[in-house]
PDB file of N, CA and C in Angstrom:
ATOM      1  N   UNK A   1     -44.516  -0.041 -18.803  1.00  0.00           N
ATOM      2  CA  UNK A   1     -43.052  -0.190 -18.142  1.00  0.00           C
ATOM      3  C   UNK A   1     -42.040   0.385 -19.017  1.00  0.00           C
ATOM      4  N   UNK A   2     -41.156   1.118 -18.379  1.00  0.00           N
ATOM      5  CA  UNK A   2     -39.837   1.830 -19.394  1.00  0.00           C
ATOM      6  C   UNK A   2     -39.284   0.990 -19.758  1.00  0.00           C
ATOM      7  N   UNK A   3     -38.383   1.083 -20.570  1.00  0.00           N
ATOM      8  CA  UNK A   3     -37.126   0.343 -21.061  1.00  0.00           C
ATOM      9  C   UNK A   3     -36.075   1.121 -21.185  1.00  0.00           C
ATOM     10  N   UNK A   4     -34.888   1.047 -20.890  1.00  0.00           N
ATOM     11  CA  UNK A   4     -33.684   1.655 -21.212  1.00  0.00           C
ATOM     12  C   UNK A   4     -32.748   0.982 -22.302  1.00  0.00           C
ATOM     13  N   UNK A   5     -31.896   1.914 -22.827  1.00  0.00           N
ATOM     14  CA  UNK A   5     -31.301   1.077 -23.955  1.00  0.00           C
ATOM     15  C   UNK A   5     -29.863   2.063 -23.500  1.00  0.00           C
ATOM     16  N   UNK A   6     -28.913   1.177 -23.090  1.00  0.00           N
ATOM     17  CA  UNK A   6     -27.550   1.532 -22.684  1.00  0.00           C
ATOM     18  C   UNK A   6     -26.533   1.772 -23.426  1.00  0.00           C
ATOM     19  N   UNK A   7     -25.734   2.565 -23.756  1.00  0.00           N
ATOM     20  CA  UNK A   7     -24.390   2.484 -24.341  1.00  0.00           C
ATOM     21  C   UNK A   7     -23.204   2.662 -23.451  1.00  0.00           C
ATOM     22  N   UNK A   8     -22.491   1.606 -23.420  1.00  0.00           N
ATOM     23  CA  UNK A   8     -21.458   1.421 -22.559  1.00  0.00           C
ATOM     24  C   UNK A   8     -20.138   1.668 -23.218  1.00  0.00           C
ATOM     25  N   UNK A   9     -19.445   2.637 -22.919  1.00  0.00           N
ATOM     26  CA  UNK A   9     -18.110   2.900 -23.693  1.00  0.00           C
ATOM     27  C   UNK A   9     -16.810   2.774 -22.693  1.00  0.00           C
ATOM     28  N   UNK A  10     -16.228   1.702 -23.449  1.00  0.00           N
ATOM     29  CA  UNK A  10     -14.737   1.873 -22.689  1.00  0.00           C
ATOM     30  C   UNK A  10     -13.838   3.179 -22.997  1.00  0.00           C
ATOM     31  N   UNK A  11     -12.911   3.157 -22.186  1.00  0.00           N
ATOM     32  CA  UNK A  11     -12.067   4.234 -22.490  1.00  0.00           C
ATOM     33  C   UNK A  11     -11.462   4.219 -23.937  1.00  0.00           C
ATOM     34  N   UNK A  12     -11.601   5.316 -24.521  1.00  0.00           N
ATOM     35  CA  UNK A  12     -11.159   5.497 -25.857  1.00  0.00           C
ATOM     36  C   UNK A  12      -9.612   5.627 -25.945  1.00  0.00           C
ATOM     37  N   UNK A  13      -8.982   5.410 -27.075  1.00  0.00           N
ATOM     38  CA  UNK A  13      -7.425   5.823 -26.940  1.00  0.00           C
ATOM     39  C   UNK A  13      -7.139   7.242 -27.101  1.00  0.00           C
ATOM     40  N   UNK A  14      -8.215   8.349 -27.223  1.00  0.00           N
ATOM     41  CA  UNK A  14      -8.116   9.591 -27.146  1.00  0.00           C
ATOM     42  C   UNK A  14      -9.352  10.651 -26.494  1.00  0.00           C
ATOM     43  N   UNK A  15      -9.175  10.155 -25.373  1.00  0.00           N
ATOM     44  CA  UNK A  15     -10.442  10.910 -24.711  1.00  0.00           C
ATOM     45  C   UNK A  15     -11.060  12.186 -25.194  1.00  0.00           C
ATOM     46  N   UNK A  16      -9.710  13.130 -25.350  1.00  0.00           N
ATOM     47  CA  UNK A  16     -10.587  14.202 -25.920  1.00  0.00           C
ATOM     48  C   UNK A  16     -11.055  14.353 -27.293  1.00  0.00           C
ATOM     49  N   UNK A  17     -10.602  13.509 -28.119  1.00  0.00           N
ATOM     50  CA  UNK A  17     -11.302  13.401 -29.624  1.00  0.00           C
ATOM     51  C   UNK A  17     -12.662  13.015 -29.161  1.00  0.00           C
ATOM     52  N   UNK A  18     -12.717  11.998 -28.543  1.00  0.00           N
ATOM     53  CA  UNK A  18     -13.874  11.343 -28.316  1.00  0.00           C
ATOM     54  C   UNK A  18     -14.915  12.081 -27.798  1.00  0.00           C
ATOM     55  N   UNK A  19     -14.720  12.863 -26.733  1.00  0.00           N
ATOM     56  CA  UNK A  19     -15.547  13.636 -26.190  1.00  0.00           C
ATOM     57  C   UNK A  19     -15.791  14.662 -27.012  1.00  0.00           C
ATOM     58  N   UNK A  20     -14.913  15.105 -27.865  1.00  0.00           N
ATOM     59  CA  UNK A  20     -15.444  16.426 -28.935  1.00  0.00           C
ATOM     60  C   UNK A  20     -16.389  15.892 -29.857  1.00  0.00           C
ATOM     61  N   UNK A  21     -16.153  14.690 -30.056  1.00  0.00           N
ATOM     62  CA  UNK A  21     -17.134  14.271 -31.267  1.00  0.00           C
ATOM     63  C   UNK A  21     -18.572  13.880 -30.446  1.00  0.00           C
ATOM     64  N   UNK A  22     -18.390  12.980 -29.429  1.00  0.00           N
ATOM     65  CA  UNK A  22     -19.596  12.840 -28.587  1.00  0.00           C
ATOM     66  C   UNK A  22     -20.635  14.111 -28.230  1.00  0.00           C
ATOM     67  N   UNK A  23     -19.894  15.017 -27.744  1.00  0.00           N
ATOM     68  CA  UNK A  23     -20.887  16.144 -27.449  1.00  0.00           C
ATOM     69  C   UNK A  23     -20.850  17.183 -28.262  1.00  0.00           C
ATOM     70  N   UNK A  24     -19.993  17.218 -29.249  1.00  0.00           N
ATOM     71  CA  UNK A  24     -20.097  18.100 -30.476  1.00  0.00           C
ATOM     72  C   UNK A  24     -21.105  17.724 -31.422  1.00  0.00           C
ATOM     73  N   UNK A  25     -21.409  16.281 -31.933  1.00  0.00           N
ATOM     74  CA  UNK A  25     -22.229  15.784 -32.788  1.00  0.00           C
ATOM     75  C   UNK A  25     -23.079  14.641 -32.416  1.00  0.00           C
ATOM     76  N   UNK A  26     -22.514  13.584 -31.479  1.00  0.00           N
ATOM     77  CA  UNK A  26     -23.514  12.296 -31.349  1.00  0.00           C
ATOM     78  C   UNK A  26     -24.624  12.668 -30.488  1.00  0.00           C
ATOM     79  N   UNK A  27     -24.269  13.479 -29.677  1.00  0.00           N
ATOM     80  CA  UNK A  27     -25.517  13.749 -28.595  1.00  0.00           C
ATOM     81  C   UNK A  27     -26.371  14.402 -29.213  1.00  0.00           C
ATOM     82  N   UNK A  28     -26.279  15.406 -30.049  1.00  0.00           N
ATOM     83  CA  UNK A  28     -27.397  15.774 -30.916  1.00  0.00           C
ATOM     84  C   UNK A  28     -28.181  14.832 -31.638  1.00  0.00           C
ATOM     85  N   UNK A  29     -27.677  14.129 -32.001  1.00  0.00           N
ATOM     86  CA  UNK A  29     -28.211  12.711 -33.211  1.00  0.00           C
ATOM     87  C   UNK A  29     -28.960  11.896 -32.128  1.00  0.00           C
ATOM     88  N   UNK A  30     -28.370  11.736 -31.024  1.00  0.00           N
ATOM     89  CA  UNK A  30     -29.196  10.671 -30.249  1.00  0.00           C
ATOM     90  C   UNK A  30     -30.266  11.462 -29.664  1.00  0.00           C
ATOM     91  N   UNK A  31     -30.174  12.906 -28.982  1.00  0.00           N
ATOM     92  CA  UNK A  31     -31.628  13.461 -28.830  1.00  0.00           C
ATOM     93  C   UNK A  31     -32.503  13.649 -29.644  1.00  0.00           C
ATOM     94  N   UNK A  32     -32.354  13.459 -31.001  1.00  0.00           N
ATOM     95  CA  UNK A  32     -33.178  13.401 -31.671  1.00  0.00           C
ATOM     96  C   UNK A  32     -34.133  12.296 -32.121  1.00  0.00           C
ATOM     97  N   UNK A  33     -33.761  11.457 -31.561  1.00  0.00           N
ATOM     98  CA  UNK A  33     -34.512   9.974 -31.724  1.00  0.00           C
ATOM     99  C   UNK A  33     -35.843  10.152 -30.960  1.00  0.00           C
ATOM    100  N   UNK A  34     -36.792   9.637 -31.954  1.00  0.00           N
ATOM    101  CA  UNK A  34     -38.338   9.907 -31.377  1.00  0.00           C
ATOM    102  C   UNK A  34     -38.812   8.943 -30.302  1.00  0.00           C
ATOM    103  N   UNK A  35     -39.614   9.481 -29.386  1.00  0.00           N
ATOM    104  CA  UNK A  35     -39.897   8.459 -28.363  1.00  0.00           C
ATOM    105  C   UNK A  35     -39.236   8.531 -27.239  1.00  0.00           C
ATOM    106  N   UNK A  36     -37.831   9.441 -27.391  1.00  0.00           N
ATOM    107  CA  UNK A  36     -37.092   9.437 -26.244  1.00  0.00           C
ATOM    108  C   UNK A  36     -37.792   9.944 -24.843  1.00  0.00           C
ATOM    109  N   UNK A  37     -37.658   9.551 -23.909  1.00  0.00           N
ATOM    110  CA  UNK A  37     -38.040  10.122 -22.485  1.00  0.00           C
ATOM    111  C   UNK A  37     -37.173  10.695 -21.678  1.00  0.00           C
ATOM    112  N   UNK A  38     -36.020   9.943 -21.724  1.00  0.00           N
ATOM    113  CA  UNK A  38     -35.202  10.571 -20.892  1.00  0.00           C
ATOM    114  C   UNK A  38     -33.596  10.497 -21.555  1.00  0.00           C
ATOM    115  N   UNK A  39     -32.642  11.202 -21.462  1.00  0.00           N
ATOM    116  CA  UNK A  39     -31.311  10.838 -22.135  1.00  0.00           C
ATOM    117  C   UNK A  39     -30.313  11.230 -20.803  1.00  0.00           C
ATOM    118  N   UNK A  40     -29.361  10.373 -20.427  1.00  0.00           N
ATOM    119  CA  UNK A  40     -28.638  10.335 -19.341  1.00  0.00           C
ATOM    120  C   UNK A  40     -27.275  10.067 -19.831  1.00  0.00           C
ATOM    121  N   UNK A  41     -26.187  11.035 -19.478  1.00  0.00           N
ATOM    122  CA  UNK A  41     -25.033  10.625 -19.973  1.00  0.00           C
ATOM    123  C   UNK A  41     -24.147  10.680 -18.529  1.00  0.00           C
ATOM    124  N   UNK A  42     -23.368   9.744 -18.126  1.00  0.00           N
ATOM    125  CA  UNK A  42     -22.743   9.839 -16.898  1.00  0.00           C
ATOM    126  C   UNK A  42     -20.924   9.469 -17.397  1.00  0.00           C
ATOM    127  N   UNK A  43     -20.351  10.062 -17.006  1.00  0.00           N
ATOM    128  CA  UNK A  43     -18.833   9.842 -17.261  1.00  0.00           C
ATOM    129  C   UNK A  43     -18.592   8.737 -15.768  1.00  0.00           C
ATOM    130  N   UNK A  44     -17.476   7.847 -16.211  1.00  0.00           N
ATOM    131  CA  UNK A  44     -17.341   6.890 -15.302  1.00  0.00           C
ATOM    132  C   UNK A  44     -16.124   7.406 -14.629  1.00  0.00           C
ATOM    133  N   UNK A  45     -15.739   7.810 -13.359  1.00  0.00           N
ATOM    134  CA  UNK A  45     -14.877   8.257 -12.655  1.00  0.00           C
ATOM    135  C   UNK A  45     -13.779   7.410 -11.699  1.00  0.00           C
ATOM    136  N   UNK A  46     -14.719   6.254 -11.289  1.00  0.00           N
ATOM    137  CA  UNK A  46     -13.808   5.173 -10.749  1.00  0.00           C
ATOM    138  C   UNK A  46     -14.709   3.994 -10.658  1.00  0.00           C
ATOM    139  N   UNK A  47     -13.938   2.798 -10.442  1.00  0.00           N
ATOM    140  CA  UNK A  47     -14.622   1.588  -9.854  1.00  0.00           C
ATOM    141  C   UNK A  47     -14.362   1.280  -8.261  1.00  0.00           C
ATOM    142  N   UNK A  48     -14.855   0.106  -7.828  1.00  0.00           N
ATOM    143  CA  UNK A  48     -14.707  -0.085  -6.614  1.00  0.00           C
ATOM    144  C   UNK A  48     -12.800  -0.712  -6.580  1.00  0.00           C
ATOM    145  N   UNK A  49     -12.017  -0.890  -7.578  1.00  0.00           N
ATOM    146  CA  UNK A  49     -11.067  -1.314  -7.636  1.00  0.00           C
ATOM    147  C   UNK A  49     -10.136  -0.106  -8.016  1.00  0.00           C
ATOM    148  N   UNK A  50     -10.508   1.032  -8.172  1.00  0.00           N
ATOM    149  CA  UNK A  50     -10.029   2.154  -8.740  1.00  0.00           C
ATOM    150  C   UNK A  50     -10.146   2.794  -9.770  1.00  0.00           C
ATOM    151  N   UNK A  51      -9.142   2.610 -10.862  1.00  0.00           N
ATOM    152  CA  UNK A  51      -9.348   3.200 -12.200  1.00  0.00           C
ATOM    153  C   UNK A  51     -10.334   2.050 -12.905  1.00  0.00           C
ATOM    154  N   UNK A  52     -11.241   2.624 -13.692  1.00  0.00           N
ATOM    155  CA  UNK A  52     -12.054   1.826 -14.625  1.00  0.00           C
ATOM    156  C   UNK A  52     -11.516   1.910 -16.078  1.00  0.00           C
ATOM    157  N   UNK A  53     -11.759   0.851 -16.770  1.00  0.00           N
ATOM    158  CA  UNK A  53     -11.615   0.579 -18.105  1.00  0.00           C
ATOM    159  C   UNK A  53     -12.833   1.096 -18.819  1.00  0.00           C
ATOM    160  N   UNK A  54     -13.831   1.751 -17.976  1.00  0.00           N
ATOM    161  CA  UNK A  54     -15.068   2.457 -18.528  1.00  0.00           C
ATOM    162  C   UNK A  54     -14.750   4.042 -18.656  1.00  0.00           C
ATOM    163  N   UNK A  55     -15.483   4.708 -19.858  1.00  0.00           N
ATOM    164  CA  UNK A  55     -15.384   5.617 -19.932  1.00  0.00           C
ATOM    165  C   UNK A  55     -16.660   6.536 -19.719  1.00  0.00           C
ATOM    166  N   UNK A  56     -17.968   6.154 -20.387  1.00  0.00           N
ATOM    167  CA  UNK A  56     -19.303   6.728 -20.122  1.00  0.00           C
ATOM    168  C   UNK A  56     -20.315   5.574 -20.272  1.00  0.00           C
ATOM    169  N   UNK A  57     -21.106   5.690 -19.566  1.00  0.00           N
ATOM    170  CA  UNK A  57     -22.550   4.979 -19.411  1.00  0.00           C
ATOM    171  C   UNK A  57     -23.591   5.790 -19.831  1.00  0.00           C
ATOM    172  N   UNK A  58     -24.044   5.648 -21.195  1.00  0.00           N
ATOM    173  CA  UNK A  58     -25.180   6.653 -21.625  1.00  0.00           C
ATOM    174  C   UNK A  58     -26.624   5.847 -21.509  1.00  0.00           C
ATOM    175  N   UNK A  59     -27.627   6.317 -21.268  1.00  0.00           N
ATOM    176  CA  UNK A  59     -28.961   5.520 -20.801  1.00  0.00           C
ATOM    177  C   UNK A  59     -29.999   6.423 -21.706  1.00  0.00           C
ATOM    178  N   UNK A  60     -30.595   5.632 -22.789  1.00  0.00           N
ATOM    179  CA  UNK A  60     -31.786   6.682 -23.453  1.00  0.00           C
ATOM    180  C   UNK A  60     -32.965   5.624 -22.708  1.00  0.00           C
ATOM    181  N   UNK A  61     -34.348   6.258 -22.290  1.00  0.00           N
ATOM    182  CA  UNK A  61     -35.092   5.766 -21.743  1.00  0.00           C
ATOM    183  C   UNK A  61     -36.419   5.899 -22.841  1.00  0.00           C
ATOM    184  N   UNK A  62     -37.176   4.513 -22.985  1.00  0.00           N
ATOM    185  CA  UNK A  62     -38.399   4.874 -23.468  1.00  0.00           C
ATOM    186  C   UNK A  62     -39.308   4.136 -23.010  1.00  0.00           C
ATOM    187  N   UNK A  63     -41.019   4.511 -23.424  1.00  0.00           N
ATOM    188  CA  UNK A  63     -41.884   4.056 -22.663  1.00  0.00           C
ATOM    189  C   UNK A  63     -41.992   2.414 -22.540  1.00  0.00           C
ATOM    190  N   UNK A  64     -41.821   1.863 -23.661  1.00  0.00           N
ATOM    191  CA  UNK A  64     -42.031   0.574 -23.650  1.00  0.00           C
ATOM    192  C   UNK A  64     -41.162  -0.208 -24.460  1.00  0.00           C
ATOM    193  N   UNK A  65     -41.162  -1.540 -24.640  1.00  0.00           N
ATOM    194  CA  UNK A  65     -40.435  -2.381 -25.947  1.00  0.00           C
ATOM    195  C   UNK A  65     -40.815  -2.241 -27.145  1.00  0.00           C
ATOM    196  N   UNK A  66     -41.986  -1.722 -27.592  1.00  0.00           N
ATOM    197  CA  UNK A  66     -42.687  -1.380 -28.941  1.00  0.00           C
ATOM    198  C   UNK A  66     -42.099  -0.011 -29.145  1.00  0.00           C
ATOM    199  N   UNK A  67     -42.214   0.974 -28.115  1.00  0.00           N
ATOM    200  CA  UNK A  67     -41.470   2.472 -28.440  1.00  0.00           C
ATOM    201  C   UNK A  67     -39.908   2.346 -28.835  1.00  0.00           C
ATOM    202  N   UNK A  68     -39.196   1.633 -27.911  1.00  0.00           N
ATOM    203  CA  UNK A  68     -37.978   1.366 -28.301  1.00  0.00           C
ATOM    204  C   UNK A  68     -37.742   0.928 -29.798  1.00  0.00           C
ATOM    205  N   UNK A  69     -38.520  -0.435 -30.316  1.00  0.00           N
ATOM    206  CA  UNK A  69     -38.080  -0.832 -31.500  1.00  0.00           C
ATOM    207  C   UNK A  69     -38.533   0.011 -32.330  1.00  0.00           C
ATOM    208  N   UNK A  70     -39.635   1.230 -32.144  1.00  0.00           N
ATOM    209  CA  UNK A  70     -40.018   1.734 -33.257  1.00  0.00           C
ATOM    210  C   UNK A  70     -39.015   3.002 -33.497  1.00  0.00           C
ATOM    211  N   UNK A  71     -38.512   3.372 -32.336  1.00  0.00           N
ATOM    212  CA  UNK A  71     -37.496   4.573 -32.108  1.00  0.00           C
ATOM    213  C   UNK A  71     -36.049   4.052 -32.947  1.00  0.00           C
ATOM    214  N   UNK A  72     -35.724   2.883 -32.620  1.00  0.00           N
ATOM    215  CA  UNK A  72     -34.345   2.271 -33.315  1.00  0.00           C
ATOM    216  C   UNK A  72     -34.894   2.186 -34.699  1.00  0.00           C
ATOM    217  N   UNK A  73     -36.079   2.063 -35.170  1.00  0.00           N
ATOM    218  CA  UNK A  73     -36.078   1.917 -36.895  1.00  0.00           C
ATOM    219  C   UNK A  73     -36.138   3.004 -37.338  1.00  0.00           C
ATOM    220  N   UNK A  74     -36.274   4.301 -36.321  1.00  0.00           N
ATOM    221  CA  UNK A  74     -36.288   5.525 -37.084  1.00  0.00           C
ATOM    222  C   UNK A  74     -35.062   6.202 -37.908  1.00  0.00           C
ATOM    223  N   UNK A  75     -35.046   6.965 -38.900  1.00  0.00           N
ATOM    224  CA  UNK A  75     -34.020   7.458 -39.721  1.00  0.00           C
ATOM    225  C   UNK A  75     -33.030   8.276 -38.611  1.00  0.00           C
ATOM    226  N   UNK A  76     -33.648   9.073 -37.566  1.00  0.00           N
ATOM    227  CA  UNK A  76     -32.713   9.343 -36.524  1.00  0.00           C
ATOM    228  C   UNK A  76     -32.072   8.356 -35.860  1.00  0.00           C
ATOM    229  N   UNK A  77     -32.423   7.195 -35.522  1.00  0.00           N
ATOM    230  CA  UNK A  77     -31.653   6.325 -34.688  1.00  0.00           C
ATOM    231  C   UNK A  77     -30.358   5.422 -35.775  1.00  0.00           C
ATOM    232  N   UNK A  78     -30.949   5.862 -37.181  1.00  0.00           N
ATOM    233  CA  UNK A  78     -30.194   5.042 -37.857  1.00  0.00           C
ATOM    234  C   UNK A  78     -28.804   6.096 -38.245  1.00  0.00           C
ATOM    235  N   UNK A  79     -29.180   7.469 -38.108  1.00  0.00           N
ATOM    236  CA  UNK A  79     -28.076   8.215 -38.121  1.00  0.00           C
ATOM    237  C   UNK A  79     -26.918   8.063 -37.173  1.00  0.00           C
ATOM    238  N   UNK A  80     -28.113   8.028 -35.774  1.00  0.00           N
ATOM    239  CA  UNK A  80     -26.940   8.075 -35.057  1.00  0.00           C
ATOM    240  C   UNK A  80     -25.989   6.592 -34.841  1.00  0.00           C
ATOM    241  N   UNK A  81     -26.538   5.747 -35.160  1.00  0.00           N
ATOM    242  CA  UNK A  81     -26.011   4.358 -35.276  1.00  0.00           C
ATOM    243  C   UNK A  81     -25.090   4.220 -36.463  1.00  0.00           C
ATOM    244  N   UNK A  82     -25.060   5.113 -37.392  1.00  0.00           N
ATOM    245  CA  UNK A  82     -23.886   5.262 -38.229  1.00  0.00           C
ATOM    246  C   UNK A  82     -22.803   6.056 -37.619  1.00  0.00           C
ATOM    247  N   UNK A  83     -23.394   7.260 -37.143  1.00  0.00           N
ATOM    248  CA  UNK A  83     -22.039   8.148 -36.553  1.00  0.00           C
ATOM    249  C   UNK A  83     -21.286   7.385 -35.171  1.00  0.00           C
ATOM    250  N   UNK A  84     -21.985   6.589 -34.533  1.00  0.00           N
ATOM    251  CA  UNK A  84     -21.303   6.002 -33.361  1.00  0.00           C
ATOM    252  C   UNK A  84     -20.168   4.989 -33.902  1.00  0.00           C
ATOM    253  N   UNK A  85     -20.329   4.306 -35.257  1.00  0.00           N
ATOM    254  CA  UNK A  85     -19.308   3.532 -35.848  1.00  0.00           C
ATOM    255  C   UNK A  85     -18.204   4.292 -36.345  1.00  0.00           C
ATOM    256  N   UNK A  86     -18.322   5.610 -36.412  1.00  0.00           N
ATOM    257  CA  UNK A  86     -17.342   6.621 -36.637  1.00  0.00           C
ATOM    258  C   UNK A  86     -15.973   6.840 -35.625  1.00  0.00           C
ATOM    259  N   UNK A  87     -16.895   6.768 -34.446  1.00  0.00           N
ATOM    260  CA  UNK A  87     -16.080   7.231 -33.236  1.00  0.00           C
ATOM    261  C   UNK A  87     -16.017   6.448 -31.976  1.00  0.00           C
ATOM    262  N   UNK A  88     -16.883   5.343 -32.085  1.00  0.00           N
ATOM    263  CA  UNK A  88     -16.747   4.691 -31.000  1.00  0.00           C
ATOM    264  C   UNK A  88     -17.268   2.982 -31.166  1.00  0.00           C
ATOM    265  N   UNK A  89     -16.970   2.862 -32.338  1.00  0.00           N
ATOM    266  CA  UNK A  89     -17.498   1.052 -32.851  1.00  0.00           C
ATOM    267  C   UNK A  89     -16.626   0.321 -32.164  1.00  0.00           C
ATOM    268  N   UNK A  90     -15.206   0.630 -31.736  1.00  0.00           N
ATOM    269  CA  UNK A  90     -14.442  -0.300 -30.939  1.00  0.00           C
ATOM    270  C   UNK A  90     -14.505  -0.404 -29.509  1.00  0.00           C
ATOM    271  N   UNK A  91     -15.180   0.747 -29.033  1.00  0.00           N
ATOM    272  CA  UNK A  91     -15.274   0.875 -27.539  1.00  0.00           C
ATOM    273  C   UNK A  91     -16.438   0.864 -26.852  1.00  0.00           C
ATOM    274  N   UNK A  92     -17.716   0.693 -27.828  1.00  0.00           N
ATOM    275  CA  UNK A  92     -18.976   0.531 -27.282  1.00  0.00           C
ATOM    276  C   UNK A  92     -19.958  -0.670 -27.122  1.00  0.00           C
ATOM    277  N   UNK A  93     -20.333  -0.997 -26.548  1.00  0.00           N
ATOM    278  CA  UNK A  93     -21.551  -2.358 -26.000  1.00  0.00           C
ATOM    279  C   UNK A  93     -22.713  -1.807 -25.904  1.00  0.00           C
ATOM    280  N   UNK A  94     -23.664  -2.502 -26.244  1.00  0.00           N
ATOM    281  CA  UNK A  94     -25.239  -1.789 -26.235  1.00  0.00           C
ATOM    282  C   UNK A  94     -25.856  -2.634 -25.335  1.00  0.00           C
ATOM    283  N   UNK A  95     -26.886  -2.473 -24.564  1.00  0.00           N
ATOM    284  CA  UNK A  95     -27.785  -3.107 -23.546  1.00  0.00           C
ATOM    285  C   UNK A  95     -29.004  -2.617 -23.719  1.00  0.00           C
ATOM    286  N   UNK A  96     -30.052  -3.531 -23.647  1.00  0.00           N
ATOM    287  CA  UNK A  96     -31.536  -3.102 -23.277  1.00  0.00           C
ATOM    288  C   UNK A  96     -32.208  -3.536 -22.056  1.00  0.00           C
ATOM    289  N   UNK A  97     -32.500  -2.748 -21.060  1.00  0.00           N
ATOM    290  CA  UNK A  97     -32.710  -3.310 -19.728  1.00  0.00           C
ATOM    291  C   UNK A  97     -34.269  -2.655 -19.325  1.00  0.00           C
ATOM    292  N   UNK A  98     -34.915  -3.541 -18.544  1.00  0.00           N
ATOM    293  CA  UNK A  98     -35.955  -3.053 -17.814  1.00  0.00           C
ATOM    294  C   UNK A  98     -36.326  -3.069 -16.283  1.00  0.00           C
ATOM    295  N   UNK A  99     -36.833  -2.239 -15.789  1.00  0.00           N
ATOM    296  CA  UNK A  99     -36.983  -2.402 -14.340  1.00  0.00           C
ATOM    297  C   UNK A  99     -37.171  -3.702 -13.924  1.00  0.00           C
ATOM    298  N   UNK A 100     -36.545  -4.149 -12.898  1.00  0.00           N
ATOM    299  CA  UNK A 100     -36.756  -5.362 -12.209  1.00  0.00           C
ATOM    300  C   UNK A 100     -37.690  -5.392 -10.949  1.00  0.00           C
ATOM    301  N   UNK A 101     -38.381  -6.398 -10.897  1.00  0.00           N
ATOM    302  CA  UNK A 101     -39.332  -6.802 -10.094  1.00  0.00           C
ATOM    303  C   UNK A 101     -39.016  -7.670  -9.192  1.00  0.00           C
ATOM    304  N   UNK A 102     -39.423  -7.175  -8.095  1.00  0.00           N
ATOM    305  CA  UNK A 102     -38.940  -8.411  -6.637  1.00  0.00           C
ATOM    306  C   UNK A 102     -37.708  -7.645  -6.079  1.00  0.00           C
ATOM    307  N   UNK A 103     -37.454  -8.483  -5.061  1.00  0.00           N
ATOM    308  CA  UNK A 103     -36.500  -7.944  -4.197  1.00  0.00           C
ATOM    309  C   UNK A 103     -35.268  -7.872  -4.912  1.00  0.00           C
ATOM    310  N   UNK A 104     -34.363  -6.659  -4.682  1.00  0.00           N
ATOM    311  CA  UNK A 104     -32.975  -6.473  -5.208  1.00  0.00           C
ATOM    312  C   UNK A 104     -32.023  -6.427  -3.867  1.00  0.00           C
ATOM    313  N   UNK A 105     -31.238  -7.616  -4.076  1.00  0.00           N
ATOM    314  CA  UNK A 105     -30.225  -7.788  -3.018  1.00  0.00           C
ATOM    315  C   UNK A 105     -29.229  -7.096  -3.395  1.00  0.00           C
TER     316      UNK A 105
END
């Protein structure tokens, strides 16, 4: 069963500076994490209530919990973690998810 590691970023003080660093530096660091099956970057454009306090939702997909654990222990993940503190430490939250089984309502 795959697992996903989500990085959910709130709107930063300066979107242009944030995006320049994310797409110019951080994305390459994250893509180098071993065992990564898929990497999805989604820009939040609205919520059901209109404007959102979220800027981006990023999903990193791994084969399993052990694969995620091994990946997060890698030098590449440590470099990405150090980098995120430089530009997104105040606006990011992380979550690990797995596919739900059973009915989704």
